[in-house]
Amino acid sequence: MARILLFASIKDRAGTGRIDVPLTAPTPLRAVLAKAAAAAGIEEGILSRGCALFAVNQETVPLDHLVNDGDEVALLPPMSGGR
């Protein structure tokens, strides 16, 4: 199972901060996000739309990265801040 962690605006749009996705084989991140959206009953593109970074096990990765059973995936929206 891969654990999908959502933050800030992505969490707000999805209505949850975590989605668990069962995996039986290494799966491209893009497909894992589609499975996560289906599991949460939300629009498929909502998880990647507006996302600045994708991280698997705390390392940034592209959407074609293979996610394995037990991986932690974080979807990080653009951040802003000031002094």
C-alpha atoms as a PDB file:
ATOM      1  CA  MET A   1       0.000   0.000   0.000  1.00  0.00           C
ATOM      2  CA  ALA A   2       1.249   3.495  -0.835  1.00  0.00           C
ATOM      3  CA  ARG A   3       0.317   6.356   1.474  1.00  0.00           C
ATOM      4  CA  ILE A   4      -0.530   9.603  -0.336  1.00  0.00           C
ATOM      5  CA  LEU A   5      -0.103  12.725   1.816  1.00  0.00           C
ATOM      6  CA  LEU A   6      -1.872  15.919   0.781  1.00  0.00           C
ATOM      7  CA  PHE A   7      -1.135  19.439   1.999  1.00  0.00           C
ATOM      8  CA  ALA A   8      -2.577  22.959   1.888  1.00  0.00           C
ATOM      9  CA  SER A   9      -4.794  23.713  -1.123  1.00  0.00           C
ATOM     10  CA  ILE A  10      -4.557  20.150  -2.475  1.00  0.00           C
ATOM     11  CA  LYS A  11      -5.770  18.806   0.875  1.00  0.00           C
ATOM     12  CA  ASP A  12      -8.613  21.331   0.836  1.00  0.00           C
ATOM     13  CA  ARG A  13      -9.685  20.378  -2.704  1.00  0.00           C
ATOM     14  CA  ALA A  14      -9.520  16.651  -1.943  1.00  0.00           C
ATOM     15  CA  GLY A  15     -11.262  16.969   1.425  1.00  0.00           C
ATOM     16  CA  THR A  16      -8.698  14.725   3.118  1.00  0.00           C
ATOM     17  CA  GLY A  17      -5.056  14.768   4.130  1.00  0.00           C
ATOM     18  CA  ARG A  18      -4.266  11.138   3.357  1.00  0.00           C
ATOM     19  CA  ILE A  19      -5.294   8.490   0.856  1.00  0.00           C
ATOM     20  CA  ASP A  20      -4.017   4.906   0.993  1.00  0.00           C
ATOM     21  CA  VAL A  21      -3.668   3.101  -2.334  1.00  0.00           C
ATOM     22  CA  PRO A  22      -3.080  -0.669  -2.572  1.00  0.00           C
ATOM     23  CA  LEU A  23      -0.313  -1.620  -5.017  1.00  0.00           C
ATOM     24  CA  THR A  24       0.584  -5.086  -6.266  1.00  0.00           C
ATOM     25  CA  ALA A  25       3.508  -4.012  -8.459  1.00  0.00           C
ATOM     26  CA  PRO A  26       5.638  -0.928  -9.089  1.00  0.00           C
ATOM     27  CA  THR A  27       3.278   1.650 -10.605  1.00  0.00           C
ATOM     28  CA  PRO A  28       3.956   5.023 -12.260  1.00  0.00           C
ATOM     29  CA  LEU A  29       3.116   7.923  -9.962  1.00  0.00           C
ATOM     30  CA  ARG A  30       0.614   9.260 -12.502  1.00  0.00           C
ATOM     31  CA  ALA A  31      -1.368   5.979 -12.254  1.00  0.00           C
ATOM     32  CA  VAL A  32      -1.088   5.947  -8.440  1.00  0.00           C
ATOM     33  CA  LEU A  33      -2.643   9.423  -8.352  1.00  0.00           C
ATOM     34  CA  ALA A  34      -5.496   8.223 -10.587  1.00  0.00           C
ATOM     35  CA  LYS A  35      -6.107   5.290  -8.208  1.00  0.00           C
ATOM     36  CA  ALA A  36      -5.984   7.635  -5.213  1.00  0.00           C
ATOM     37  CA  ALA A  37      -8.556   9.955  -6.764  1.00  0.00           C
ATOM     38  CA  ALA A  38     -10.856   7.023  -7.532  1.00  0.00           C
ATOM     39  CA  ALA A  39     -10.470   5.696  -3.978  1.00  0.00           C
ATOM     40  CA  ALA A  40     -11.353   9.110  -2.549  1.00  0.00           C
ATOM     41  CA  GLY A  41     -14.224   9.630  -4.992  1.00  0.00           C
ATOM     42  CA  ILE A  42     -12.768  12.837  -6.404  1.00  0.00           C
ATOM     43  CA  GLU A  43     -11.991  14.124  -9.897  1.00  0.00           C
ATOM     44  CA  GLU A  44      -8.872  12.400 -11.241  1.00  0.00           C
ATOM     45  CA  GLY A  45      -6.868  15.515 -12.072  1.00  0.00           C
ATOM     46  CA  ILE A  46      -7.501  17.243  -8.754  1.00  0.00           C
ATOM     47  CA  LEU A  47      -4.466  15.649  -7.108  1.00  0.00           C
ATOM     48  CA  SER A  48      -1.896  16.790  -9.660  1.00  0.00           C
ATOM     49  CA  ARG A  49      -3.489  20.051 -10.812  1.00  0.00           C
ATOM     50  CA  GLY A  50      -1.543  22.966  -9.409  1.00  0.00           C
ATOM     51  CA  CYS A  51       0.979  20.722  -7.700  1.00  0.00           C
ATOM     52  CA  ALA A  52       4.484  22.177  -7.542  1.00  0.00           C
ATOM     53  CA  LEU A  53       6.359  19.061  -6.440  1.00  0.00           C
ATOM     54  CA  PHE A  54       5.832  15.350  -6.053  1.00  0.00           C
ATOM     55  CA  ALA A  55       7.951  13.507  -3.495  1.00  0.00           C
ATOM     56  CA  VAL A  56       8.318   9.782  -2.897  1.00  0.00           C
ATOM     57  CA  ASN A  57       9.977   8.859   0.365  1.00  0.00           C
ATOM     58  CA  GLN A  58      10.976  12.523   0.794  1.00  0.00           C
ATOM     59  CA  GLU A  59      12.745  12.828  -2.579  1.00  0.00           C
ATOM     60  CA  THR A  60      11.280  14.866  -5.427  1.00  0.00           C
ATOM     61  CA  VAL A  61      10.320  12.784  -8.446  1.00  0.00           C
ATOM     62  CA  PRO A  62       8.609  13.178 -11.859  1.00  0.00           C
ATOM     63  CA  LEU A  63       5.157  11.775 -12.627  1.00  0.00           C
ATOM     64  CA  ASP A  64       6.649   8.751 -14.414  1.00  0.00           C
ATOM     65  CA  HIS A  65       8.531   7.642 -11.260  1.00  0.00           C
ATOM     66  CA  LEU A  66       7.636   4.095 -10.183  1.00  0.00           C
ATOM     67  CA  VAL A  67       5.939   3.912  -6.788  1.00  0.00           C
ATOM     68  CA  ASN A  68       6.347   0.717  -4.782  1.00  0.00           C
ATOM     69  CA  ASP A  69       4.299  -0.919  -2.067  1.00  0.00           C
ATOM     70  CA  GLY A  70       5.129   0.811   1.225  1.00  0.00           C
ATOM     71  CA  ASP A  71       6.180   4.120  -0.334  1.00  0.00           C
ATOM     72  CA  GLU A  72       5.055   7.467   1.046  1.00  0.00           C
ATOM     73  CA  VAL A  73       4.012   9.989  -1.609  1.00  0.00           C
ATOM     74  CA  ALA A  74       3.660  13.678  -0.789  1.00  0.00           C
ATOM     75  CA  LEU A  75       1.916  16.186  -3.044  1.00  0.00           C
ATOM     76  CA  LEU A  76       3.316  19.630  -2.377  1.00  0.00           C
ATOM     77  CA  PRO A  77       1.499  22.706  -3.677  1.00  0.00           C
ATOM     78  CA  PRO A  78       3.310  25.929  -4.563  1.00  0.00           C
ATOM     79  CA  MET A  79       4.402  27.743  -1.444  1.00  0.00           C
ATOM     80  CA  SER A  80       4.531  31.414  -0.738  1.00  0.00           C
ATOM     81  CA  GLY A  81       5.845  33.313   2.141  1.00  0.00           C
ATOM     82  CA  GLY A  82       7.556  36.391   3.286  1.00  0.00           C
ATOM     83  CA  ARG A  83       9.865  37.727   5.847  1.00  0.00           C
END
